[in-house]
């Protein structure tokens, strides 16, 4: 089974969450799948010092930063074609809410990167499953509206998901929410106070659910 993974940079505060991305790749491989990694070839919104939490006076590119996690084996998101893959996965990290969309700044009035939106819609239209970890379900709620998702138990974010027309279902560490009708699987990951082992469990459960969806 062939998966596509979308990364939003490198590092939890301004890009993709590295543990979630890595555990997703591990889960795919351990469950017999293969994957390609994609990222938008766009300027990163800002750069954050991960020690101090402060913004740095420099600019970076989302694709180039995501290549750090991909060990250089990555493609621009414009190259993605839904027909080439069985499923699409979005790990979390603030980069989802800053680089793939503007939720971190605009709340429920956020806009979505045009290429990201096209990729999500083309995948959904092709009947391919989409998996989302951590904050990524908010992005899916903004694009698709009436879907079932989870970000865990954070009431503020859950309320935003409901405002976007989706249904939020509470879930604990390592747990998943499956929307069979829309072929969407979500897991809270670091939206909860999870351990890295629980992140691995959530990623594994998500991938297994998607494989089951594809195999019918």
N, C-alpha and C. Protein backbone atom coordinates (compact mmCIF):
# COMPACT_ATOMS: atom_id res chain seq x y z
N UNK A 1 0.85 -1.19 0.00
CA UNK A 1 0.00 0.00 0.00
C UNK A 1 0.88 1.24 0.00
N UNK A 2 0.53 2.22 -0.82
CA UNK A 2 1.38 3.40 -0.99
C UNK A 2 0.72 4.63 -0.38
N UNK A 3 1.43 5.26 0.54
CA UNK A 3 0.95 6.44 1.23
C UNK A 3 1.70 7.69 0.76
N UNK A 4 1.02 8.82 0.82
CA UNK A 4 1.67 10.12 0.66
C UNK A 4 1.58 10.83 2.01
N UNK A 5 2.68 11.46 2.42
CA UNK A 5 2.73 12.21 3.67
C UNK A 5 3.03 13.67 3.35
N UNK A 6 2.22 14.57 3.92
CA UNK A 6 2.46 16.01 3.73
C UNK A 6 3.10 16.56 5.00
N UNK A 7 4.27 17.17 4.86
CA UNK A 7 4.93 17.83 5.97
C UNK A 7 4.84 19.34 5.81
N UNK A 8 4.92 20.04 6.94
CA UNK A 8 4.73 21.50 6.93
C UNK A 8 5.97 22.25 7.40
N UNK A 9 7.12 21.61 7.26
CA UNK A 9 8.37 22.19 7.71
C UNK A 9 9.09 21.22 8.61
N UNK A 10 9.85 21.72 9.58
CA UNK A 10 10.62 20.85 10.47
C UNK A 10 10.72 21.48 11.85
N UNK A 11 9.96 20.95 12.80
CA UNK A 11 10.00 21.47 14.16
C UNK A 11 8.63 21.88 14.64
N UNK A 12 8.27 21.50 15.84
CA UNK A 12 6.90 21.63 16.32
C UNK A 12 6.37 23.06 16.30
N UNK A 13 7.19 24.07 16.60
CA UNK A 13 6.67 25.42 16.78
C UNK A 13 6.50 26.21 15.48
N UNK A 14 7.16 25.77 14.41
CA UNK A 14 7.03 26.50 13.14
C UNK A 14 6.92 25.58 11.93
N UNK A 15 6.87 24.27 12.17
CA UNK A 15 6.82 23.32 11.05
C UNK A 15 6.11 22.04 11.45
N UNK A 16 6.55 20.92 10.89
CA UNK A 16 5.97 19.62 11.21
C UNK A 16 6.51 19.11 12.54
N UNK A 17 5.66 18.44 13.31
CA UNK A 17 6.08 17.82 14.56
C UNK A 17 6.90 16.58 14.21
N UNK A 18 8.16 16.57 14.62
CA UNK A 18 9.10 15.55 14.15
C UNK A 18 8.75 14.16 14.66
N UNK A 19 8.35 14.04 15.93
CA UNK A 19 7.98 12.72 16.45
C UNK A 19 6.78 12.15 15.69
N UNK A 20 5.78 12.99 15.47
CA UNK A 20 4.58 12.53 14.77
C UNK A 20 4.89 12.11 13.33
N UNK A 21 5.73 12.89 12.67
CA UNK A 21 6.12 12.55 11.30
C UNK A 21 6.88 11.24 11.26
N UNK A 22 7.84 11.10 12.17
CA UNK A 22 8.67 9.90 12.20
C UNK A 22 7.86 8.66 12.56
N UNK A 23 6.99 8.78 13.56
CA UNK A 23 6.18 7.64 13.96
C UNK A 23 5.17 7.24 12.88
N UNK A 24 4.73 8.21 12.08
CA UNK A 24 3.86 7.90 10.95
C UNK A 24 4.61 7.07 9.92
N UNK A 25 5.83 7.48 9.61
CA UNK A 25 6.64 6.71 8.65
C UNK A 25 6.92 5.31 9.16
N UNK A 26 7.23 5.21 10.46
CA UNK A 26 7.50 3.91 11.06
C UNK A 26 6.26 3.02 11.01
N UNK A 27 5.09 3.59 11.32
CA UNK A 27 3.85 2.80 11.31
C UNK A 27 3.54 2.29 9.91
N UNK A 28 3.73 3.14 8.92
CA UNK A 28 3.48 2.71 7.54
C UNK A 28 4.39 1.54 7.18
N UNK A 29 5.67 1.66 7.48
CA UNK A 29 6.63 0.62 7.13
C UNK A 29 6.35 -0.67 7.89
N UNK A 30 6.07 -0.56 9.19
CA UNK A 30 5.82 -1.76 9.98
C UNK A 30 4.54 -2.48 9.59
N UNK A 31 3.62 -1.75 8.96
CA UNK A 31 2.38 -2.38 8.50
C UNK A 31 2.43 -2.75 7.02
N UNK A 32 3.63 -2.80 6.48
CA UNK A 32 3.83 -3.31 5.12
C UNK A 32 3.65 -2.32 4.01
N UNK A 33 3.55 -1.03 4.34
CA UNK A 33 3.35 -0.02 3.31
C UNK A 33 4.64 0.67 2.90
N UNK A 34 4.52 1.53 1.92
CA UNK A 34 5.60 2.40 1.49
C UNK A 34 5.05 3.82 1.43
N UNK A 35 5.93 4.82 1.35
CA UNK A 35 5.46 6.19 1.36
C UNK A 35 6.36 7.11 0.55
N UNK A 36 5.77 8.20 0.09
CA UNK A 36 6.49 9.35 -0.45
C UNK A 36 6.15 10.54 0.43
N UNK A 37 7.09 11.48 0.53
CA UNK A 37 6.90 12.66 1.36
C UNK A 37 6.83 13.90 0.49
N UNK A 38 5.88 14.77 0.80
CA UNK A 38 5.65 16.01 0.06
C UNK A 38 5.62 17.19 1.02
N UNK A 39 5.88 18.37 0.48
CA UNK A 39 5.69 19.61 1.24
C UNK A 39 5.51 20.75 0.25
N UNK A 40 4.78 21.79 0.64
CA UNK A 40 4.63 22.95 -0.24
C UNK A 40 5.97 23.67 -0.42
N UNK A 41 6.24 24.09 -1.62
CA UNK A 41 7.46 24.86 -1.91
C UNK A 41 7.14 26.34 -1.72
N UNK A 42 7.01 26.73 -0.45
CA UNK A 42 6.61 28.10 -0.09
C UNK A 42 7.47 28.60 1.05
N UNK A 43 7.44 29.88 1.26
CA UNK A 43 8.17 30.47 2.38
C UNK A 43 7.47 30.11 3.69
N UNK A 44 8.27 29.72 4.67
CA UNK A 44 7.75 29.43 6.00
C UNK A 44 7.25 30.73 6.63
N UNK A 45 6.15 30.65 7.37
CA UNK A 45 5.59 31.89 7.93
C UNK A 45 6.61 32.63 8.78
N UNK A 46 7.25 31.93 9.69
CA UNK A 46 8.34 32.51 10.49
C UNK A 46 9.19 31.38 11.03
N UNK A 47 10.30 31.74 11.65
CA UNK A 47 11.22 30.76 12.21
C UNK A 47 11.28 30.97 13.72
N UNK A 48 11.10 29.88 14.48
CA UNK A 48 11.07 29.96 15.93
C UNK A 48 12.28 29.23 16.52
N UNK A 49 12.96 29.88 17.45
CA UNK A 49 14.02 29.24 18.22
C UNK A 49 13.36 28.23 19.17
N UNK A 50 13.63 26.96 18.98
CA UNK A 50 12.94 25.93 19.76
C UNK A 50 13.46 25.81 21.19
N UNK A 51 14.49 26.55 21.53
CA UNK A 51 14.96 26.59 22.92
C UNK A 51 14.27 27.72 23.69
N UNK A 52 14.21 28.89 23.08
CA UNK A 52 13.64 30.06 23.76
C UNK A 52 12.17 30.30 23.44
N UNK A 53 11.70 29.74 22.32
CA UNK A 53 10.33 29.98 21.89
C UNK A 53 10.16 31.31 21.19
N UNK A 54 11.25 32.03 20.97
CA UNK A 54 11.17 33.35 20.36
C UNK A 54 11.39 33.28 18.84
N UNK A 55 10.76 34.22 18.15
CA UNK A 55 10.90 34.30 16.70
C UNK A 55 12.32 34.77 16.35
N UNK A 56 12.85 34.19 15.27
CA UNK A 56 14.20 34.53 14.81
C UNK A 56 14.14 35.38 13.56
N UNK A 57 15.12 36.23 13.38
CA UNK A 57 15.17 37.13 12.24
C UNK A 57 15.81 36.45 11.04
N UNK A 58 15.09 35.48 10.48
CA UNK A 58 15.56 34.79 9.28
C UNK A 58 14.36 34.19 8.56
N UNK A 59 14.58 33.77 7.33
CA UNK A 59 13.51 33.17 6.54
C UNK A 59 13.94 31.77 6.10
N UNK A 60 12.96 30.89 6.00
CA UNK A 60 13.22 29.52 5.55
C UNK A 60 12.10 29.07 4.62
N UNK A 61 12.37 27.99 3.90
CA UNK A 61 11.43 27.43 2.94
C UNK A 61 10.85 26.13 3.50
N UNK A 62 9.54 25.97 3.40
CA UNK A 62 8.87 24.80 3.98
C UNK A 62 9.38 23.50 3.38
N UNK A 63 9.52 23.45 2.07
CA UNK A 63 9.99 22.24 1.40
C UNK A 63 11.42 21.88 1.83
N UNK A 64 12.29 22.88 1.87
CA UNK A 64 13.69 22.65 2.25
C UNK A 64 13.79 22.20 3.71
N UNK A 65 13.00 22.81 4.58
CA UNK A 65 13.02 22.40 5.99
C UNK A 65 12.46 21.00 6.17
N UNK A 66 11.36 20.68 5.49
CA UNK A 66 10.76 19.35 5.59
C UNK A 66 11.71 18.27 5.08
N UNK A 67 12.58 18.64 4.15
CA UNK A 67 13.56 17.69 3.61
C UNK A 67 14.50 17.16 4.68
N UNK A 68 14.64 17.90 5.79
CA UNK A 68 15.46 17.43 6.91
C UNK A 68 14.87 16.14 7.49
N UNK A 69 13.55 16.11 7.65
CA UNK A 69 12.88 14.93 8.19
C UNK A 69 12.88 13.81 7.15
N UNK A 70 12.73 14.19 5.90
CA UNK A 70 12.65 13.20 4.81
C UNK A 70 14.02 12.69 4.37
N UNK A 71 15.08 13.17 5.01
CA UNK A 71 16.44 12.81 4.64
C UNK A 71 16.72 13.12 3.17
N UNK A 72 16.11 14.22 2.71
CA UNK A 72 16.35 14.71 1.36
C UNK A 72 15.45 14.11 0.30
N UNK A 73 14.75 13.03 0.64
CA UNK A 73 13.90 12.36 -0.35
C UNK A 73 12.49 12.92 -0.23
N UNK A 74 12.23 14.00 -0.95
CA UNK A 74 10.97 14.72 -0.83
C UNK A 74 10.60 15.34 -2.16
N UNK A 75 9.30 15.61 -2.34
CA UNK A 75 8.81 16.22 -3.57
C UNK A 75 7.98 17.45 -3.24
N UNK A 76 7.99 18.40 -4.15
CA UNK A 76 7.10 19.56 -4.00
C UNK A 76 5.65 19.08 -4.08
N UNK A 77 4.78 19.67 -3.29
CA UNK A 77 3.39 19.22 -3.22
C UNK A 77 2.67 19.34 -4.56
N UNK A 78 3.13 20.23 -5.42
CA UNK A 78 2.53 20.37 -6.76
C UNK A 78 2.68 19.09 -7.59
N UNK A 79 3.59 18.21 -7.20
CA UNK A 79 3.81 16.96 -7.95
C UNK A 79 2.86 15.85 -7.51
N UNK A 80 2.12 16.07 -6.44
CA UNK A 80 1.22 15.03 -5.92
C UNK A 80 0.04 14.79 -6.86
N UNK A 81 -0.26 13.52 -7.08
CA UNK A 81 -1.44 13.12 -7.84
C UNK A 81 -2.16 12.03 -7.05
N UNK A 82 -3.42 12.26 -6.78
CA UNK A 82 -4.19 11.33 -5.93
C UNK A 82 -4.20 9.91 -6.49
N UNK A 83 -4.22 9.78 -7.81
CA UNK A 83 -4.32 8.46 -8.41
C UNK A 83 -3.06 7.61 -8.17
N UNK A 84 -1.98 8.22 -7.74
CA UNK A 84 -0.74 7.49 -7.52
C UNK A 84 -0.64 6.88 -6.12
N UNK A 85 -1.62 7.18 -5.24
CA UNK A 85 -1.51 6.77 -3.84
C UNK A 85 -2.81 6.15 -3.34
N UNK A 86 -2.67 5.33 -2.30
CA UNK A 86 -3.84 4.71 -1.67
C UNK A 86 -4.41 5.57 -0.55
N UNK A 87 -3.57 6.43 0.04
CA UNK A 87 -4.01 7.26 1.16
C UNK A 87 -3.06 8.43 1.36
N UNK A 88 -3.56 9.43 2.07
CA UNK A 88 -2.80 10.66 2.34
C UNK A 88 -2.78 10.90 3.85
N UNK A 89 -1.61 11.26 4.40
CA UNK A 89 -1.46 11.45 5.84
C UNK A 89 -0.87 12.83 6.13
N UNK A 90 -1.43 13.51 7.15
CA UNK A 90 -0.90 14.80 7.59
C UNK A 90 -0.51 14.75 9.06
N UNK A 91 0.79 14.63 9.37
CA UNK A 91 1.22 14.81 10.76
C UNK A 91 0.95 16.25 11.21
N UNK A 92 1.02 16.47 12.53
CA UNK A 92 0.72 17.80 13.04
C UNK A 92 1.93 18.69 13.19
N UNK A 93 1.87 19.56 14.20
CA UNK A 93 2.87 20.60 14.37
C UNK A 93 2.27 21.95 14.01
N UNK A 94 2.80 23.03 14.60
CA UNK A 94 2.26 24.36 14.33
C UNK A 94 2.37 24.75 12.86
N UNK A 95 3.26 24.09 12.13
CA UNK A 95 3.39 24.39 10.70
C UNK A 95 2.10 24.15 9.93
N UNK A 96 1.30 23.19 10.40
CA UNK A 96 -0.01 22.96 9.76
C UNK A 96 -0.87 24.20 9.87
N UNK A 97 -0.85 24.83 11.06
CA UNK A 97 -1.70 25.99 11.33
C UNK A 97 -1.05 27.31 10.92
N UNK A 98 0.21 27.26 10.49
CA UNK A 98 0.92 28.48 10.10
C UNK A 98 1.33 28.48 8.63
N UNK A 99 1.70 27.30 8.10
CA UNK A 99 2.22 27.21 6.73
C UNK A 99 1.24 26.58 5.75
N UNK A 100 0.46 25.60 6.22
CA UNK A 100 -0.54 24.97 5.35
C UNK A 100 -1.84 25.74 5.34
N UNK A 101 -2.11 26.41 6.46
CA UNK A 101 -3.28 27.29 6.56
C UNK A 101 -2.95 28.38 7.57
N UNK A 102 -3.89 29.26 7.85
CA UNK A 102 -3.62 30.40 8.74
C UNK A 102 -4.40 30.31 10.05
N UNK A 103 -4.78 29.11 10.45
CA UNK A 103 -5.58 28.94 11.66
C UNK A 103 -4.91 29.54 12.90
N UNK A 104 -3.59 29.44 13.00
CA UNK A 104 -2.89 29.96 14.17
C UNK A 104 -3.06 31.47 14.33
N UNK A 105 -3.35 32.16 13.24
CA UNK A 105 -3.46 33.62 13.27
C UNK A 105 -4.89 34.12 13.09
N UNK A 106 -5.69 33.39 12.32
CA UNK A 106 -7.02 33.86 11.95
C UNK A 106 -8.16 33.07 12.57
N UNK A 107 -7.84 32.07 13.38
CA UNK A 107 -8.91 31.27 13.98
C UNK A 107 -9.76 30.59 12.91
N UNK A 108 -11.05 30.52 13.15
CA UNK A 108 -11.95 29.81 12.23
C UNK A 108 -12.16 30.54 10.90
N UNK A 109 -11.63 31.75 10.78
CA UNK A 109 -11.69 32.47 9.50
C UNK A 109 -10.45 32.20 8.65
N UNK A 110 -9.73 31.12 8.98
CA UNK A 110 -8.45 30.86 8.31
C UNK A 110 -8.61 30.55 6.83
N UNK A 111 -7.55 30.86 6.09
CA UNK A 111 -7.45 30.49 4.68
C UNK A 111 -6.50 29.31 4.55
N UNK A 112 -6.63 28.56 3.46
CA UNK A 112 -5.83 27.37 3.22
C UNK A 112 -4.96 27.59 1.99
N UNK A 113 -3.70 27.19 2.08
CA UNK A 113 -2.84 27.23 0.90
C UNK A 113 -3.54 26.55 -0.27
N UNK A 114 -3.54 27.18 -1.43
CA UNK A 114 -4.32 26.68 -2.57
C UNK A 114 -3.90 25.29 -3.02
N UNK A 115 -2.60 25.03 -3.02
CA UNK A 115 -2.13 23.70 -3.43
C UNK A 115 -2.55 22.65 -2.40
N UNK A 116 -2.44 22.98 -1.13
CA UNK A 116 -2.87 22.06 -0.07
C UNK A 116 -4.35 21.75 -0.22
N UNK A 117 -5.16 22.77 -0.44
CA UNK A 117 -6.60 22.57 -0.59
C UNK A 117 -6.93 21.70 -1.80
N UNK A 118 -6.25 21.93 -2.90
CA UNK A 118 -6.47 21.13 -4.11
C UNK A 118 -6.11 19.67 -3.87
N UNK A 119 -5.00 19.44 -3.17
CA UNK A 119 -4.56 18.07 -2.89
C UNK A 119 -5.58 17.35 -2.01
N UNK A 120 -6.05 18.02 -0.97
CA UNK A 120 -7.03 17.40 -0.08
C UNK A 120 -8.33 17.09 -0.81
N UNK A 121 -8.80 18.04 -1.59
CA UNK A 121 -10.07 17.85 -2.30
C UNK A 121 -9.96 16.78 -3.38
N UNK A 122 -8.85 16.73 -4.08
CA UNK A 122 -8.69 15.72 -5.13
C UNK A 122 -8.58 14.32 -4.52
N UNK A 123 -7.94 14.22 -3.37
CA UNK A 123 -7.82 12.93 -2.68
C UNK A 123 -9.19 12.46 -2.20
N UNK A 124 -9.93 13.36 -1.60
CA UNK A 124 -11.27 13.03 -1.11
C UNK A 124 -12.20 12.65 -2.26
N UNK A 125 -12.13 13.40 -3.35
CA UNK A 125 -12.98 13.13 -4.51
C UNK A 125 -12.66 11.77 -5.15
N UNK A 126 -11.42 11.35 -5.02
CA UNK A 126 -11.00 10.06 -5.57
C UNK A 126 -11.35 8.90 -4.65
N UNK A 127 -11.95 9.21 -3.49
CA UNK A 127 -12.34 8.16 -2.56
C UNK A 127 -11.18 7.57 -1.79
N UNK A 128 -10.08 8.32 -1.69
CA UNK A 128 -8.90 7.82 -0.97
C UNK A 128 -8.96 8.30 0.48
N UNK A 129 -8.60 7.45 1.43
CA UNK A 129 -8.62 7.86 2.85
C UNK A 129 -7.59 8.96 3.16
N UNK A 130 -7.93 9.76 4.15
CA UNK A 130 -7.03 10.81 4.65
C UNK A 130 -6.87 10.63 6.15
N UNK A 131 -5.62 10.61 6.61
CA UNK A 131 -5.33 10.53 8.04
C UNK A 131 -4.74 11.83 8.53
N UNK A 132 -5.10 12.24 9.74
CA UNK A 132 -4.60 13.51 10.28
C UNK A 132 -4.27 13.37 11.75
N UNK A 133 -3.12 13.87 12.15
CA UNK A 133 -2.67 13.81 13.53
C UNK A 133 -2.64 15.20 14.15
N UNK A 134 -2.85 15.26 15.48
CA UNK A 134 -2.63 16.48 16.25
C UNK A 134 -3.58 17.60 15.81
N UNK A 135 -3.05 18.73 15.34
CA UNK A 135 -3.86 19.88 14.94
C UNK A 135 -4.39 19.75 13.52
N UNK A 136 -3.88 18.81 12.74
CA UNK A 136 -4.28 18.69 11.33
C UNK A 136 -5.77 18.49 11.10
N UNK A 137 -6.51 17.83 12.02
CA UNK A 137 -7.96 17.71 11.82
C UNK A 137 -8.68 19.05 11.68
N UNK A 138 -8.15 20.12 12.27
CA UNK A 138 -8.76 21.44 12.10
C UNK A 138 -8.70 21.86 10.64
N UNK A 139 -7.58 21.61 10.01
CA UNK A 139 -7.43 21.90 8.58
C UNK A 139 -8.46 21.13 7.77
N UNK A 140 -8.64 19.85 8.09
CA UNK A 140 -9.63 19.04 7.37
C UNK A 140 -11.04 19.56 7.59
N UNK A 141 -11.34 19.98 8.83
CA UNK A 141 -12.66 20.54 9.12
C UNK A 141 -12.92 21.79 8.30
N UNK A 142 -11.89 22.62 8.12
CA UNK A 142 -12.03 23.83 7.33
C UNK A 142 -12.25 23.57 5.86
N UNK A 143 -11.67 22.50 5.37
CA UNK A 143 -11.79 22.17 3.94
C UNK A 143 -13.08 21.40 3.65
N UNK A 144 -13.44 20.46 4.53
CA UNK A 144 -14.55 19.54 4.23
C UNK A 144 -15.83 19.82 5.01
N UNK A 145 -15.74 20.52 6.15
CA UNK A 145 -16.96 20.80 6.90
C UNK A 145 -17.48 19.62 7.67
N UNK A 146 -18.55 19.00 7.22
CA UNK A 146 -19.28 17.98 7.98
C UNK A 146 -18.56 16.63 7.99
N UNK A 147 -17.55 16.53 8.87
CA UNK A 147 -16.82 15.29 9.05
C UNK A 147 -16.67 15.04 10.55
N UNK A 148 -16.36 13.79 10.92
CA UNK A 148 -16.09 13.44 12.32
C UNK A 148 -14.58 13.40 12.53
N UNK A 149 -14.09 14.15 13.52
CA UNK A 149 -12.65 14.19 13.80
C UNK A 149 -12.40 14.31 15.30
N UNK A 150 -11.12 14.17 15.67
CA UNK A 150 -10.72 14.43 17.05
C UNK A 150 -9.42 15.20 17.09
N UNK A 151 -9.29 16.07 18.10
CA UNK A 151 -8.00 16.66 18.44
C UNK A 151 -7.71 16.34 19.91
N UNK A 152 -8.50 15.42 20.48
CA UNK A 152 -8.31 15.03 21.86
C UNK A 152 -9.39 15.57 22.75
N UNK A 153 -9.04 16.52 23.65
CA UNK A 153 -10.00 17.02 24.64
C UNK A 153 -9.93 18.53 24.85
N UNK A 154 -9.16 19.23 24.02
CA UNK A 154 -9.05 20.68 24.17
C UNK A 154 -10.35 21.35 23.74
N UNK A 155 -11.05 21.96 24.69
CA UNK A 155 -12.38 22.48 24.41
C UNK A 155 -12.37 23.64 23.42
N UNK A 156 -11.36 24.51 23.52
CA UNK A 156 -11.29 25.65 22.60
C UNK A 156 -11.15 25.23 21.16
N UNK A 157 -10.22 24.32 20.90
CA UNK A 157 -10.02 23.82 19.53
C UNK A 157 -11.21 22.99 19.07
N UNK A 158 -11.76 22.20 19.99
CA UNK A 158 -12.95 21.40 19.65
C UNK A 158 -14.12 22.30 19.26
N UNK A 159 -14.30 23.40 19.98
CA UNK A 159 -15.36 24.35 19.63
C UNK A 159 -15.13 24.96 18.26
N UNK A 160 -13.88 25.25 17.92
CA UNK A 160 -13.57 25.79 16.60
C UNK A 160 -13.91 24.78 15.51
N UNK A 161 -13.61 23.52 15.77
CA UNK A 161 -13.94 22.46 14.81
C UNK A 161 -15.45 22.41 14.59
N UNK A 162 -16.21 22.54 15.66
CA UNK A 162 -17.67 22.54 15.54
C UNK A 162 -18.16 23.77 14.76
N UNK A 163 -17.53 24.91 14.98
CA UNK A 163 -17.89 26.13 14.24
C UNK A 163 -17.65 25.96 12.74
N UNK A 164 -16.67 25.15 12.39
CA UNK A 164 -16.35 24.92 10.99
C UNK A 164 -17.30 23.91 10.35
N UNK A 165 -18.24 23.39 11.13
CA UNK A 165 -19.25 22.48 10.59
C UNK A 165 -18.96 21.01 10.79
N UNK A 166 -17.84 20.70 11.45
CA UNK A 166 -17.48 19.30 11.69
C UNK A 166 -17.97 18.86 13.07
N UNK A 167 -17.86 17.58 13.34
CA UNK A 167 -18.23 17.01 14.63
C UNK A 167 -16.96 16.59 15.35
N UNK A 168 -16.77 17.11 16.57
CA UNK A 168 -15.59 16.71 17.34
C UNK A 168 -15.96 15.61 18.32
N UNK A 169 -15.14 14.56 18.34
CA UNK A 169 -15.33 13.43 19.24
C UNK A 169 -14.10 13.32 20.12
N UNK A 170 -14.29 13.35 21.43
CA UNK A 170 -13.14 13.27 22.34
C UNK A 170 -12.44 11.92 22.23
N UNK A 171 -11.12 11.97 22.37
CA UNK A 171 -10.31 10.75 22.32
C UNK A 171 -9.10 10.93 23.23
N UNK A 172 -8.59 9.81 23.73
CA UNK A 172 -7.44 9.84 24.61
C UNK A 172 -6.15 9.52 23.88
N UNK A 173 -5.05 9.47 24.62
CA UNK A 173 -3.74 9.17 24.01
C UNK A 173 -3.74 7.84 23.27
N UNK A 174 -3.25 7.86 22.05
CA UNK A 174 -3.16 6.65 21.25
C UNK A 174 -4.45 6.24 20.57
N UNK A 175 -5.55 6.91 20.91
CA UNK A 175 -6.84 6.54 20.33
C UNK A 175 -7.08 7.23 18.99
N UNK A 176 -8.02 6.71 18.24
CA UNK A 176 -8.36 7.28 16.93
C UNK A 176 -9.87 7.47 16.83
N UNK A 177 -10.26 8.35 15.91
CA UNK A 177 -11.66 8.50 15.52
C UNK A 177 -11.75 8.21 14.03
N UNK A 178 -12.66 7.31 13.68
CA UNK A 178 -12.80 6.88 12.28
C UNK A 178 -14.12 7.38 11.71
N UNK A 179 -14.05 8.13 10.64
CA UNK A 179 -15.23 8.56 9.89
C UNK A 179 -15.27 7.72 8.62
N UNK A 180 -16.00 6.62 8.67
CA UNK A 180 -16.01 5.69 7.54
C UNK A 180 -16.67 6.29 6.30
N UNK A 181 -17.70 7.10 6.51
CA UNK A 181 -18.41 7.68 5.38
C UNK A 181 -17.51 8.60 4.56
N UNK A 182 -16.72 9.40 5.24
CA UNK A 182 -15.83 10.34 4.55
C UNK A 182 -14.40 9.84 4.40
N UNK A 183 -14.14 8.64 4.93
CA UNK A 183 -12.82 8.01 4.86
C UNK A 183 -11.75 8.91 5.47
N UNK A 184 -12.00 9.34 6.70
CA UNK A 184 -11.06 10.19 7.43
C UNK A 184 -10.79 9.56 8.79
N UNK A 185 -9.50 9.47 9.14
CA UNK A 185 -9.09 8.91 10.43
C UNK A 185 -8.20 9.95 11.13
N UNK A 186 -8.49 10.22 12.40
CA UNK A 186 -7.74 11.23 13.14
C UNK A 186 -7.30 10.71 14.50
N UNK A 187 -6.23 11.29 15.02
CA UNK A 187 -5.71 10.92 16.35
C UNK A 187 -5.13 12.16 17.01
N UNK A 188 -5.27 12.32 18.34
CA UNK A 188 -4.87 13.56 19.00
C UNK A 188 -3.37 13.83 19.05
N UNK A 189 -2.57 12.77 19.18
CA UNK A 189 -1.11 12.91 19.28
C UNK A 189 -0.74 13.94 20.35
N UNK A 190 0.09 14.94 19.99
CA UNK A 190 0.56 15.90 20.99
C UNK A 190 -0.43 17.02 21.30
N UNK A 191 -1.66 16.93 20.81
CA UNK A 191 -2.70 17.83 21.32
C UNK A 191 -3.06 17.43 22.76
N UNK A 192 -2.66 16.23 23.14
CA UNK A 192 -2.76 15.77 24.52
C UNK A 192 -1.35 15.72 25.12
N UNK A 193 -1.29 15.56 26.43
CA UNK A 193 0.01 15.42 27.09
C UNK A 193 0.46 13.97 26.93
N UNK A 194 0.84 13.63 25.72
CA UNK A 194 1.16 12.24 25.37
C UNK A 194 2.65 11.97 25.48
N UNK A 195 2.99 10.71 25.70
CA UNK A 195 4.37 10.26 25.63
C UNK A 195 4.69 9.90 24.18
N UNK A 196 5.96 9.76 23.87
CA UNK A 196 6.32 9.37 22.51
C UNK A 196 5.80 7.97 22.19
N UNK A 197 5.70 7.11 23.21
CA UNK A 197 5.13 5.77 22.99
C UNK A 197 3.66 5.86 22.60
N UNK A 198 2.94 6.79 23.22
CA UNK A 198 1.52 6.98 22.88
C UNK A 198 1.37 7.60 21.49
N UNK A 199 2.31 8.45 21.10
CA UNK A 199 2.31 8.98 19.74
C UNK A 199 2.46 7.84 18.74
N UNK A 200 3.38 6.93 19.05
CA UNK A 200 3.59 5.76 18.19
C UNK A 200 2.34 4.90 18.10
N UNK A 201 1.67 4.71 19.25
CA UNK A 201 0.43 3.91 19.26
C UNK A 201 -0.64 4.57 18.39
N UNK A 202 -0.79 5.88 18.53
CA UNK A 202 -1.80 6.59 17.74
C UNK A 202 -1.53 6.51 16.25
N UNK A 203 -0.27 6.70 15.87
CA UNK A 203 0.09 6.61 14.46
C UNK A 203 -0.16 5.20 13.92
N UNK A 204 0.20 4.20 14.72
CA UNK A 204 0.00 2.82 14.29
C UNK A 204 -1.48 2.49 14.15
N UNK A 205 -2.28 2.90 15.12
CA UNK A 205 -3.72 2.66 15.04
C UNK A 205 -4.35 3.36 13.84
N UNK A 206 -3.88 4.58 13.56
CA UNK A 206 -4.39 5.34 12.42
C UNK A 206 -4.07 4.64 11.11
N UNK A 207 -2.82 4.22 10.96
CA UNK A 207 -2.41 3.56 9.72
C UNK A 207 -3.15 2.24 9.54
N UNK A 208 -3.29 1.47 10.61
CA UNK A 208 -4.01 0.20 10.51
C UNK A 208 -5.47 0.42 10.10
N UNK A 209 -6.10 1.46 10.64
CA UNK A 209 -7.49 1.77 10.28
C UNK A 209 -7.59 2.15 8.81
N UNK A 210 -6.63 2.89 8.32
CA UNK A 210 -6.66 3.29 6.91
C UNK A 210 -6.44 2.09 5.99
N UNK A 211 -5.53 1.22 6.37
CA UNK A 211 -5.30 0.00 5.57
C UNK A 211 -6.58 -0.83 5.51
N UNK A 212 -7.27 -0.94 6.63
CA UNK A 212 -8.54 -1.67 6.68
C UNK A 212 -9.58 -1.01 5.77
N UNK A 213 -9.58 0.34 5.75
CA UNK A 213 -10.50 1.07 4.87
C UNK A 213 -10.23 0.76 3.41
N UNK A 214 -8.97 0.79 3.05
CA UNK A 214 -8.58 0.57 1.64
C UNK A 214 -8.90 -0.86 1.22
N UNK A 215 -8.64 -1.81 2.11
CA UNK A 215 -8.88 -3.22 1.77
C UNK A 215 -10.35 -3.59 1.84
N UNK A 216 -11.16 -2.71 2.44
CA UNK A 216 -12.60 -2.95 2.48
C UNK A 216 -12.99 -4.06 3.43
